[in-house]
Amino acid sequence: MEEPRRHIESGTASGLAAWGLRMRYQRTRIPANHRFARLPRMGSGAGVALLLVVIVIAVLASVVVDMSFTSRVQLKLAMNGRDQLKARYLASSAMNLARILLWQEYLLNKGIQNLARQFPQAQQMIGGAQIRFTNFVRPDSELLRELMNTCAETEDESLSGPISNRDELTGELDDTVDGIGEFEGNFFPEISDESGKINLGMLRSPFQQRIVIEQLRHMLLPQQYNFLFETPAPDGYAGTREDLIANLVDWVDADTNRFSLLYPGSSGGPEDAVYAGLRENYRPKNAPFDTLEEIHLVRGVSDDFMRIFGNKLTVYPGNLNRTVNLQTADWTVIMATLCGLLYDPTRARERSLLGCGDPIIQKQFWDRFEQWRKELRARVQGSGGMGGMFGNLGLQTLLGAPVTWAELDQYLKELQITLPAVGLRPEEVFGAQPTVFRVKAVGEVNKARATIDFVVATESPQGAALNGGQIWGYHEH
């Protein structure tokens, strides 16, 4: 204590500071022989446990995420399967709706024809008109819902609600049952008339083969289609118009000999030789076409050919669809048929008048014929009787004025063109009523879609009604 007292007594600040620093150094100085105490070391097992915990948590998280994803996928698959099943049955509903409409059209048009036979004046008013329900409304599920809503509104107010929801005994509503029209999704049929097209199925028939060949020949004859035969196919094949027609015949006929278009009845060698060297290595079917898409397999038929002529050709059913329906056929098909009837070399003058081989002259001929029809029908309606009485309110105005064979035959006779050609009669070539239809029935529920393709015929070749329509080529996809 002497030293601090001495510094205090001296009264100097520097002395006091020096004393303080010295005392602090002495308190904190570590002796030379001092041994530091070691902290306890952490064992290696604690680190492994921590790592295992992290790994387990990561694995569990991935398992949970995977299970959640799998559950969502399975739920979506189940929903898609449910919707696909619903769409399948909706497509069946579209198929049945199309059959009902086509059958009722057939019965109604038959009744109109019988009326025209009994009352000649009614024929002037009708003029061969055909009722087509699809010309007025689109047959689909929306139309069915509207009809059901209309029916429900007309029911007794004390029994409000769809009839199909009621118990048959008590008449009370059953909430567990959906009424007619109360369903999820939509359905609709797409109907096309096949009797207004050139039927390749008749190439198998010796009796009808000639007219189909001539139809194809005159349809392909215009020079604007030269590019189809001048450019080789990707496999190197390049054929003529005659080669293409012969290939179509060889695909469906029963023999194995090459068909000769220039020399009918003579053999042009084995028909398999045309398909030799193809990568797919197939041969002619020697059986009727099953679908229109099968035509792609015939050598010489290209995508461009189907793009141009696909909507003018049909293949089913060959035993029922023997005539070209003037009511619905495209004018190019009608002109090809007329030129086919005049295939005989002695008919050069008639062929020139029709413009066979020149689409411009053919279109001019058809336009003149259409103008002639309008003038003829105007004279008939203005002549009095039922035609004059109904005038513009007749079925022709409501349904249109389709071409009839009587009109076409009369116009040809005025031009001194006499049909038929040798061995063929017009009634064996031209029809008056559509009897064969191709239907694409579609059902849709959310993103699911089901389609049923089929062909329905309402009349046999002998003119007998096929009750409800006979179905061919049923295919689901």
Protein backbone atom coordinates (compact mmCIF):
# COMPACT_ATOMS: atom_id res chain seq x y z
CA MET A 1 0.00 0.00 0.00
CA GLU A 2 3.05 2.20 0.24
CA GLU A 3 3.41 2.66 -3.47
CA PRO A 4 -0.07 3.90 -4.26
CA ARG A 5 -0.02 6.18 -1.26
CA ARG A 6 3.24 7.56 -2.58
CA HIS A 7 1.74 8.23 -5.97
CA ILE A 8 -1.33 9.82 -4.47
CA GLU A 9 0.67 12.01 -2.26
CA SER A 10 2.86 13.09 -5.15
CA GLY A 11 -0.32 14.28 -6.83
CA THR A 12 0.81 13.41 -10.31
CA ALA A 13 -1.71 11.88 -12.79
CA SER A 14 0.96 10.14 -14.77
CA GLY A 15 2.17 8.34 -11.71
CA LEU A 16 -1.30 7.10 -10.89
CA ALA A 17 -1.86 5.87 -14.46
CA ALA A 18 1.42 3.99 -14.54
CA TRP A 19 0.59 2.30 -11.27
CA GLY A 20 -2.82 1.21 -12.50
CA LEU A 21 -1.47 -0.36 -15.68
CA ARG A 22 1.15 -2.28 -13.76
CA MET A 23 -1.40 -3.69 -11.34
CA ARG A 24 -3.69 -4.83 -14.21
CA TYR A 25 -0.77 -6.64 -15.92
CA GLN A 26 0.13 -8.46 -12.76
CA ARG A 27 -3.47 -9.70 -12.25
CA THR A 28 -3.86 -11.01 -15.81
CA ARG A 29 -0.41 -12.50 -16.40
CA ILE A 30 -0.47 -16.28 -16.78
CA PRO A 31 2.29 -18.19 -15.03
CA ALA A 32 4.76 -20.01 -17.24
CA ASN A 33 3.98 -23.36 -15.64
CA HIS A 34 0.15 -22.97 -15.98
CA ARG A 35 -1.70 -25.75 -17.86
CA PHE A 36 -4.88 -24.90 -19.71
CA ALA A 37 -7.98 -26.97 -18.97
CA ARG A 38 -9.32 -28.70 -22.08
CA LEU A 39 -12.99 -28.48 -22.95
CA PRO A 40 -14.78 -31.82 -23.35
CA ARG A 41 -14.68 -33.01 -27.03
CA MET A 42 -18.00 -33.80 -28.81
CA GLY A 43 -18.24 -37.47 -29.73
CA SER A 44 -18.50 -38.60 -33.47
CA GLY A 45 -21.88 -40.37 -32.86
CA ALA A 46 -23.70 -37.06 -32.38
CA GLY A 47 -22.83 -35.90 -35.93
CA VAL A 48 -24.01 -39.15 -37.49
CA ALA A 49 -27.32 -38.91 -35.67
CA LEU A 50 -27.86 -35.38 -36.97
CA LEU A 51 -27.07 -36.48 -40.52
CA LEU A 52 -29.47 -39.42 -40.22
CA VAL A 53 -32.24 -37.12 -39.03
CA VAL A 54 -31.73 -34.83 -42.03
CA ILE A 55 -31.75 -37.81 -44.43
CA VAL A 56 -34.91 -39.30 -42.91
CA ILE A 57 -36.72 -36.00 -43.12
CA ALA A 58 -35.69 -35.61 -46.79
CA VAL A 59 -36.81 -39.16 -47.64
CA LEU A 60 -40.13 -38.74 -45.85
CA ALA A 61 -40.72 -35.43 -47.64
CA SER A 62 -40.01 -37.02 -51.03
CA VAL A 63 -42.32 -39.97 -50.20
CA VAL A 64 -45.11 -37.63 -49.17
CA VAL A 65 -44.68 -35.55 -52.33
CA ASP A 66 -44.62 -38.70 -54.47
CA MET A 67 -47.73 -40.11 -52.79
CA SER A 68 -49.51 -36.80 -53.24
CA PHE A 69 -48.55 -36.69 -56.93
CA THR A 70 -49.55 -40.33 -57.46
CA SER A 71 -52.88 -39.73 -55.76
CA ARG A 72 -53.58 -36.74 -58.00
CA VAL A 73 -52.62 -38.74 -61.10
CA GLN A 74 -54.84 -41.66 -60.09
CA LEU A 75 -57.69 -39.27 -59.39
CA LYS A 76 -57.28 -37.68 -62.81
CA LEU A 77 -57.14 -41.11 -64.46
CA ALA A 78 -60.30 -42.15 -62.67
CA MET A 79 -62.05 -38.93 -63.68
CA ASN A 80 -60.91 -39.35 -67.28
CA GLY A 81 -62.10 -42.95 -67.29
CA ARG A 82 -65.45 -41.85 -65.91
CA ASP A 83 -65.75 -39.07 -68.50
CA GLN A 84 -64.69 -41.42 -71.30
CA LEU A 85 -67.41 -43.89 -70.31
CA LYS A 86 -69.98 -41.10 -70.22
CA ALA A 87 -68.79 -39.87 -73.61
CA ARG A 88 -69.12 -43.41 -75.01
CA TYR A 89 -72.76 -43.60 -73.99
CA LEU A 90 -73.42 -40.07 -75.26
CA ALA A 91 -71.99 -41.14 -78.62
CA SER A 92 -74.43 -44.06 -78.57
CA SER A 93 -77.21 -41.56 -77.94
CA ALA A 94 -76.04 -39.56 -80.96
CA MET A 95 -76.07 -42.74 -83.04
CA ASN A 96 -79.63 -43.57 -82.00
CA LEU A 97 -80.76 -40.00 -82.62
CA ALA A 98 -79.31 -40.12 -86.15
CA ARG A 99 -81.05 -43.42 -86.88
CA ILE A 100 -84.38 -42.04 -85.67
CA LEU A 101 -84.07 -38.91 -87.81
CA LEU A 102 -83.02 -40.80 -90.94
CA TRP A 103 -85.79 -43.35 -90.57
CA GLN A 104 -88.45 -40.69 -90.03
CA GLU A 105 -87.10 -38.75 -93.03
CA TYR A 106 -87.39 -41.88 -95.14
CA LEU A 107 -90.98 -42.58 -94.07
CA LEU A 108 -92.02 -38.96 -94.59
CA ASN A 109 -90.42 -38.73 -98.04
CA LYS A 110 -92.03 -42.01 -99.04
CA GLY A 111 -95.39 -40.57 -98.02
CA ILE A 112 -94.74 -37.47 -100.11
CA GLN A 113 -93.86 -39.64 -103.13
CA ASN A 114 -97.06 -41.67 -102.72
CA LEU A 115 -99.05 -38.43 -102.53
CA ALA A 116 -97.45 -37.20 -105.75
CA ARG A 117 -98.32 -40.45 -107.53
CA GLN A 118 -101.98 -40.22 -106.50
CA PHE A 119 -102.39 -36.51 -107.27
CA PRO A 120 -100.50 -35.29 -110.37
CA GLN A 121 -101.11 -31.67 -109.40
CA ALA A 122 -99.29 -32.30 -106.12
CA GLN A 123 -96.26 -33.37 -108.14
CA GLN A 124 -96.09 -29.86 -109.57
CA MET A 125 -96.00 -28.40 -106.09
CA ILE A 126 -93.53 -30.91 -104.66
CA GLY A 127 -91.25 -31.18 -107.67
CA GLY A 128 -89.18 -34.03 -106.21
CA ALA A 129 -88.38 -32.17 -103.00
CA GLN A 130 -86.87 -34.23 -100.18
CA ILE A 131 -87.32 -33.38 -96.52
CA ARG A 132 -84.04 -33.26 -94.60
CA PHE A 133 -84.40 -32.45 -90.92
CA THR A 134 -80.73 -31.48 -90.73
CA ASN A 135 -81.45 -28.61 -93.15
CA PHE A 136 -83.55 -26.90 -90.48
CA VAL A 137 -82.01 -27.84 -87.13
CA ARG A 138 -78.78 -29.31 -85.85
CA PRO A 139 -79.65 -32.58 -84.13
CA ASP A 140 -77.68 -32.56 -80.90
CA SER A 141 -78.02 -32.71 -77.13
CA GLU A 142 -78.88 -29.02 -76.88
CA LEU A 143 -81.94 -29.58 -79.05
CA LEU A 144 -82.93 -32.51 -76.81
CA ARG A 145 -82.58 -30.37 -73.69
CA GLU A 146 -84.75 -27.66 -75.22
CA LEU A 147 -87.42 -30.22 -76.09
CA MET A 148 -87.33 -31.66 -72.59
CA ASN A 149 -87.58 -28.22 -71.00
CA THR A 150 -90.56 -27.43 -73.20
CA CYS A 151 -92.24 -30.67 -72.19
CA ALA A 152 -91.56 -29.98 -68.51
CA GLU A 153 -93.13 -26.53 -68.75
CA THR A 154 -96.34 -28.01 -70.13
CA GLU A 155 -96.78 -30.49 -67.24
CA ASP A 156 -99.27 -30.04 -64.42
CA GLU A 157 -97.94 -27.52 -61.92
CA SER A 158 -98.86 -29.87 -59.08
CA LEU A 159 -96.40 -32.38 -60.55
CA SER A 160 -93.57 -30.01 -61.33
CA GLY A 161 -90.31 -31.60 -62.39
CA PRO A 162 -89.21 -33.97 -65.17
CA ILE A 163 -91.41 -37.01 -65.62
CA SER A 164 -88.46 -39.40 -65.54
CA ASN A 165 -87.59 -38.25 -61.98
CA ARG A 166 -90.86 -39.55 -60.55
CA ASP A 167 -91.55 -42.79 -58.80
CA GLU A 168 -93.83 -44.89 -60.96
CA LEU A 169 -96.14 -45.72 -58.06
CA THR A 170 -96.23 -42.59 -55.90
CA GLY A 171 -95.40 -39.95 -58.52
CA GLU A 172 -93.01 -38.29 -56.09
CA LEU A 173 -89.71 -36.81 -57.21
CA ASP A 174 -86.58 -38.94 -56.83
CA ASP A 175 -83.56 -36.69 -56.36
CA THR A 176 -81.16 -39.59 -56.94
CA VAL A 177 -82.19 -39.98 -60.58
CA ASP A 178 -81.38 -37.53 -63.38
CA GLY A 179 -84.19 -36.61 -65.71
CA ILE A 180 -84.06 -36.77 -69.48
CA GLY A 181 -81.74 -34.04 -70.70
CA GLU A 182 -80.15 -33.65 -67.27
CA PHE A 183 -76.71 -35.01 -68.05
CA GLU A 184 -73.17 -33.74 -68.23
CA GLY A 185 -71.61 -33.26 -71.65
CA ASN A 186 -72.89 -33.01 -75.21
CA PHE A 187 -73.47 -35.26 -78.19
CA PHE A 188 -74.19 -34.72 -81.87
CA PRO A 189 -74.26 -36.77 -85.10
CA GLU A 190 -72.62 -35.66 -88.35
CA ILE A 191 -74.63 -37.11 -91.26
CA SER A 192 -73.47 -37.23 -94.88
CA ASP A 193 -75.34 -38.72 -97.80
CA GLU A 194 -73.33 -41.49 -99.47
CA SER A 195 -75.77 -42.07 -102.34
CA GLY A 196 -74.67 -38.84 -104.03
CA LYS A 197 -71.12 -40.11 -104.59
CA ILE A 198 -69.29 -42.48 -106.91
CA ASN A 199 -69.36 -45.89 -105.29
CA LEU A 200 -66.05 -47.72 -105.73
CA GLY A 201 -67.65 -50.79 -104.18
CA MET A 202 -69.45 -51.40 -107.46
CA LEU A 203 -66.14 -52.05 -109.23
CA ARG A 204 -66.56 -55.60 -107.99
CA SER A 205 -69.87 -55.99 -109.82
CA PRO A 206 -69.49 -56.96 -113.53
CA PHE A 207 -72.84 -55.33 -114.26
CA GLN A 208 -72.00 -51.93 -112.70
CA GLN A 209 -68.23 -51.95 -113.24
CA ARG A 210 -68.35 -50.20 -116.62
CA ILE A 211 -70.28 -47.13 -115.43
CA VAL A 212 -68.02 -46.68 -112.37
CA ILE A 213 -64.92 -46.94 -114.55
CA GLU A 214 -66.32 -44.30 -116.91
CA GLN A 215 -67.29 -42.08 -113.99
CA LEU A 216 -63.71 -42.22 -112.71
CA ARG A 217 -62.23 -41.76 -116.17
CA HIS A 218 -64.20 -38.57 -116.85
CA MET A 219 -63.68 -37.23 -113.34
CA LEU A 220 -59.90 -37.58 -113.77
CA LEU A 221 -59.82 -36.49 -117.42
CA PRO A 222 -59.45 -32.67 -117.09
CA GLN A 223 -55.90 -31.42 -117.67
CA GLN A 224 -55.89 -29.58 -114.35
CA TYR A 225 -55.27 -32.98 -112.71
CA ASN A 226 -52.20 -33.83 -114.79
CA PHE A 227 -49.90 -33.08 -111.87
CA LEU A 228 -51.32 -36.11 -110.03
CA PHE A 229 -49.78 -38.40 -112.64
CA GLU A 230 -46.72 -36.47 -113.75
CA THR A 231 -45.00 -36.30 -110.37
CA PRO A 232 -43.65 -39.64 -109.08
CA ALA A 233 -44.71 -40.80 -105.65
CA PRO A 234 -42.12 -40.91 -102.81
CA ASP A 235 -41.59 -44.61 -103.55
CA GLY A 236 -40.85 -43.79 -107.20
CA TYR A 237 -44.14 -45.04 -108.64
CA ALA A 238 -45.59 -42.98 -111.50
CA GLY A 239 -48.71 -44.21 -113.27
CA THR A 240 -51.30 -42.90 -115.69
CA ARG A 241 -55.00 -42.31 -115.18
CA GLU A 242 -55.70 -45.73 -116.68
CA ASP A 243 -53.19 -47.34 -114.30
CA LEU A 244 -54.89 -45.80 -111.27
CA ILE A 245 -58.34 -47.01 -112.35
CA ALA A 246 -56.95 -50.49 -113.10
CA ASN A 247 -55.32 -50.57 -109.64
CA LEU A 248 -58.66 -49.74 -108.02
CA VAL A 249 -60.35 -52.56 -109.96
CA ASP A 250 -57.59 -55.04 -109.10
CA TRP A 251 -57.89 -54.21 -105.40
CA VAL A 252 -61.53 -55.36 -105.21
CA ASP A 253 -61.95 -57.96 -107.98
CA ALA A 254 -61.70 -61.66 -107.20
CA ASP A 255 -58.96 -62.67 -109.65
CA THR A 256 -55.19 -62.17 -109.48
CA ASN A 257 -54.72 -60.95 -113.06
CA ARG A 258 -53.94 -57.37 -113.99
CA PHE A 259 -57.05 -55.52 -115.25
CA SER A 260 -56.64 -53.93 -118.67
CA LEU A 261 -58.63 -50.77 -119.18
CA LEU A 262 -57.75 -50.46 -122.87
CA TYR A 263 -58.39 -54.13 -123.66
CA PRO A 264 -61.17 -55.39 -121.36
CA GLY A 265 -61.18 -59.12 -120.91
CA SER A 266 -57.48 -59.56 -121.59
CA SER A 267 -54.90 -60.14 -118.88
CA GLY A 268 -52.17 -57.60 -118.27
CA GLY A 269 -50.03 -59.96 -116.19
CA PRO A 270 -50.09 -60.61 -112.43
CA GLU A 271 -51.58 -57.77 -110.42
CA ASP A 272 -49.12 -58.36 -107.57
CA ALA A 273 -46.30 -57.03 -109.74
CA VAL A 274 -47.57 -53.47 -109.25
CA TYR A 275 -46.85 -53.74 -105.50
CA ALA A 276 -43.49 -55.51 -105.81
CA GLY A 277 -40.62 -53.76 -104.06
CA LEU A 278 -42.75 -51.86 -101.55
CA ARG A 279 -41.29 -51.56 -98.07
CA GLU A 280 -44.55 -52.80 -96.50
CA ASN A 281 -44.67 -55.78 -98.93
CA TYR A 282 -48.45 -56.18 -99.28
CA ARG A 283 -50.66 -57.33 -102.13
CA PRO A 284 -54.08 -56.36 -103.54
CA LYS A 285 -56.89 -57.30 -101.21
CA ASN A 286 -59.16 -58.92 -103.85
CA ALA A 287 -62.14 -58.10 -101.65
CA PRO A 288 -64.47 -55.10 -101.19
CA PHE A 289 -63.23 -51.94 -99.48
CA ASP A 290 -64.08 -51.81 -95.78
CA THR A 291 -63.53 -48.08 -95.27
CA LEU A 292 -62.84 -45.05 -97.39
CA GLU A 293 -59.40 -44.73 -95.80
CA GLU A 294 -58.45 -48.10 -97.26
CA ILE A 295 -58.22 -46.44 -100.69
CA HIS A 296 -54.86 -45.01 -99.56
CA LEU A 297 -53.39 -48.51 -99.87
CA VAL A 298 -54.11 -48.68 -103.61
CA ARG A 299 -50.99 -47.97 -105.66
CA GLY A 300 -51.20 -44.52 -107.24
CA VAL A 301 -53.65 -43.03 -104.71
CA SER A 302 -51.91 -40.06 -103.11
CA ASP A 303 -52.85 -37.54 -100.46
CA ASP A 304 -53.49 -34.97 -103.20
CA PHE A 305 -55.86 -37.39 -104.91
CA MET A 306 -57.88 -37.89 -101.71
CA ARG A 307 -57.86 -34.17 -100.99
CA ILE A 308 -59.42 -33.43 -104.39
CA PHE A 309 -61.72 -36.41 -104.90
CA GLY A 310 -62.19 -37.91 -101.44
CA ASN A 311 -65.51 -36.15 -100.82
CA LYS A 312 -66.89 -37.47 -104.12
CA LEU A 313 -66.13 -41.15 -103.50
CA THR A 314 -67.71 -43.79 -101.29
CA VAL A 315 -67.19 -47.48 -100.71
CA TYR A 316 -70.14 -48.66 -98.61
CA PRO A 317 -72.26 -50.52 -98.81
CA GLY A 318 -71.64 -51.81 -102.33
CA ASN A 319 -74.73 -53.97 -102.50
CA LEU A 320 -77.13 -51.15 -101.57
CA ASN A 321 -75.64 -47.96 -102.97
CA ARG A 322 -75.90 -48.60 -106.70
CA THR A 323 -77.18 -45.29 -108.05
CA VAL A 324 -76.11 -41.64 -107.99
CA ASN A 325 -78.70 -39.61 -106.14
CA LEU A 326 -79.55 -36.50 -108.15
CA GLN A 327 -80.97 -34.88 -105.02
CA THR A 328 -77.64 -34.58 -103.22
CA ALA A 329 -74.86 -35.35 -105.73
CA ASP A 330 -72.32 -32.69 -106.64
CA TRP A 331 -72.73 -31.39 -110.17
CA THR A 332 -69.27 -32.67 -111.09
CA VAL A 333 -70.34 -36.22 -110.14
CA ILE A 334 -73.52 -35.88 -112.21
CA MET A 335 -71.56 -34.64 -115.22
CA ALA A 336 -69.01 -37.44 -114.86
CA THR A 337 -71.90 -39.91 -114.78
CA LEU A 338 -73.52 -38.43 -117.89
CA CYS A 339 -70.22 -38.56 -119.74
CA GLY A 340 -69.76 -42.12 -118.54
CA LEU A 341 -73.09 -43.08 -120.07
CA LEU A 342 -71.83 -41.68 -123.38
CA TYR A 343 -68.54 -43.60 -123.39
CA ASP A 344 -69.34 -45.17 -126.76
CA PRO A 345 -67.12 -43.67 -129.54
CA THR A 346 -70.19 -43.03 -131.69
CA ARG A 347 -71.41 -40.48 -129.11
CA ALA A 348 -68.69 -37.90 -129.85
CA ARG A 349 -71.22 -35.13 -130.65
CA GLU A 350 -73.12 -35.62 -127.38
CA ARG A 351 -69.89 -35.75 -125.43
CA SER A 352 -68.81 -32.48 -127.02
CA LEU A 353 -72.09 -30.80 -126.04
CA LEU A 354 -71.67 -31.93 -122.43
CA GLY A 355 -68.04 -30.79 -122.39
CA CYS A 356 -66.68 -34.17 -121.33
CA GLY A 357 -63.06 -33.66 -120.37
CA ASP A 358 -63.33 -29.86 -120.13
CA PRO A 359 -64.50 -28.63 -116.71
CA ILE A 360 -65.14 -25.10 -118.02
CA ILE A 361 -67.58 -26.28 -120.68
CA GLN A 362 -69.17 -28.67 -118.19
CA LYS A 363 -69.76 -25.82 -115.72
CA GLN A 364 -71.29 -23.71 -118.48
CA PHE A 365 -73.57 -26.60 -119.43
CA TRP A 366 -74.68 -27.07 -115.84
CA ASP A 367 -75.32 -23.35 -115.32
CA ARG A 368 -77.51 -23.28 -118.44
CA PHE A 369 -79.39 -26.31 -117.15
CA GLU A 370 -79.98 -24.66 -113.76
CA GLN A 371 -81.33 -21.54 -115.47
CA TRP A 372 -83.57 -23.68 -117.64
CA ARG A 373 -84.92 -25.44 -114.50
CA LYS A 374 -85.80 -22.13 -112.86
CA GLU A 375 -87.71 -20.98 -115.91
CA LEU A 376 -89.50 -24.33 -116.18
CA ARG A 377 -90.58 -24.31 -112.53
CA ALA A 378 -91.74 -20.70 -112.82
CA ARG A 379 -93.98 -21.69 -115.74
CA VAL A 380 -95.36 -24.67 -113.83
CA GLN A 381 -96.17 -22.62 -110.72
CA GLY A 382 -97.87 -19.94 -112.78
CA SER A 383 -100.06 -22.39 -114.67
CA GLY A 384 -102.70 -22.67 -111.94
CA GLY A 385 -103.87 -25.73 -110.01
CA MET A 386 -102.15 -26.71 -106.80
CA GLY A 387 -98.82 -25.44 -108.04
CA GLY A 388 -100.22 -21.97 -108.72
CA MET A 389 -102.36 -21.98 -105.61
CA PHE A 390 -99.47 -22.64 -103.25
CA GLY A 391 -96.95 -20.70 -105.31
CA ASN A 392 -93.93 -19.66 -103.28
CA LEU A 393 -95.43 -21.28 -100.19
CA GLY A 394 -94.99 -24.79 -101.60
CA LEU A 395 -92.55 -27.41 -100.48
CA GLN A 396 -90.10 -26.33 -103.15
CA THR A 397 -89.64 -22.99 -101.44
CA LEU A 398 -89.35 -24.57 -98.00
CA LEU A 399 -87.08 -27.44 -98.93
CA GLY A 400 -85.37 -26.21 -102.07
CA ALA A 401 -85.77 -27.47 -105.62
CA PRO A 402 -83.57 -30.53 -106.14
CA VAL A 403 -82.77 -31.92 -109.56
CA THR A 404 -85.08 -34.63 -110.88
CA TRP A 405 -84.34 -37.14 -113.61
CA ALA A 406 -87.44 -36.02 -115.54
CA GLU A 407 -86.06 -32.47 -115.76
CA LEU A 408 -82.56 -33.57 -116.73
CA ASP A 409 -83.88 -36.03 -119.31
CA GLN A 410 -86.16 -33.37 -120.83
CA TYR A 411 -83.30 -30.87 -121.10
CA LEU A 412 -81.02 -33.44 -122.73
CA LYS A 413 -83.70 -34.31 -125.27
CA GLU A 414 -84.07 -30.64 -126.18
CA LEU A 415 -80.35 -30.72 -127.00
CA GLN A 416 -80.91 -33.95 -128.98
CA ILE A 417 -78.84 -35.95 -126.52
CA THR A 418 -80.37 -39.39 -126.18
CA LEU A 419 -79.63 -41.57 -123.16
CA PRO A 420 -78.77 -44.25 -122.32
CA ALA A 421 -75.69 -45.64 -123.93
CA VAL A 422 -75.47 -49.26 -124.97
CA GLY A 423 -76.31 -51.69 -122.14
CA LEU A 424 -77.21 -49.11 -119.47
CA ARG A 425 -80.48 -47.49 -118.49
CA PRO A 426 -80.70 -44.18 -116.62
CA GLU A 427 -82.79 -45.70 -113.83
CA GLU A 428 -79.89 -48.08 -113.17
CA VAL A 429 -77.57 -45.12 -112.69
CA PHE A 430 -79.55 -42.21 -111.23
CA GLY A 431 -81.58 -42.39 -108.04
CA ALA A 432 -84.22 -40.10 -106.61
CA GLN A 433 -84.02 -40.53 -102.84
CA PRO A 434 -81.04 -40.79 -100.48
CA THR A 435 -81.02 -44.20 -98.81
CA VAL A 436 -77.42 -44.67 -97.65
CA PHE A 437 -75.79 -42.38 -95.09
CA ARG A 438 -72.49 -42.20 -93.29
CA VAL A 439 -72.80 -41.06 -89.69
CA LYS A 440 -70.16 -39.87 -87.28
CA ALA A 441 -71.68 -39.89 -83.78
CA VAL A 442 -69.71 -37.84 -81.24
CA GLY A 443 -70.02 -37.68 -77.46
CA GLU A 444 -68.10 -35.15 -75.35
CA VAL A 445 -67.72 -34.84 -71.57
CA ASN A 446 -65.20 -32.29 -70.32
CA LYS A 447 -62.02 -33.20 -72.23
CA ALA A 448 -63.09 -36.78 -73.04
CA ARG A 449 -64.38 -37.52 -76.53
CA ALA A 450 -65.80 -40.72 -78.03
CA THR A 451 -66.70 -41.28 -81.67
CA ILE A 452 -68.73 -43.98 -83.43
CA ASP A 453 -68.53 -44.25 -87.20
CA PHE A 454 -71.10 -46.31 -89.04
CA VAL A 455 -73.14 -46.50 -92.24
CA VAL A 456 -76.92 -46.86 -92.22
CA ALA A 457 -79.16 -47.85 -95.14
CA THR A 458 -82.92 -47.26 -95.09
CA GLU A 459 -83.87 -49.17 -98.25
CA SER A 460 -82.75 -52.34 -100.03
CA PRO A 461 -81.82 -52.42 -103.74
CA GLN A 462 -85.26 -53.91 -104.43
CA GLY A 463 -86.93 -50.89 -102.84
CA ALA A 464 -87.95 -52.62 -99.61
CA ALA A 465 -87.77 -50.56 -96.44
CA LEU A 466 -85.17 -51.67 -93.89
CA ASN A 467 -87.03 -51.12 -90.64
CA GLY A 468 -85.11 -48.68 -88.48
CA GLY A 469 -82.16 -48.68 -90.89
CA GLN A 470 -79.52 -51.36 -91.37
CA ILE A 471 -76.02 -50.66 -90.01
CA TRP A 472 -72.66 -51.42 -91.62
CA GLY A 473 -69.07 -50.63 -90.76
CA TYR A 474 -69.61 -49.96 -87.02
CA HIS A 475 -66.36 -48.66 -85.53
CA GLU A 476 -65.66 -47.02 -82.16
CA HIS A 477 -62.66 -44.83 -81.42
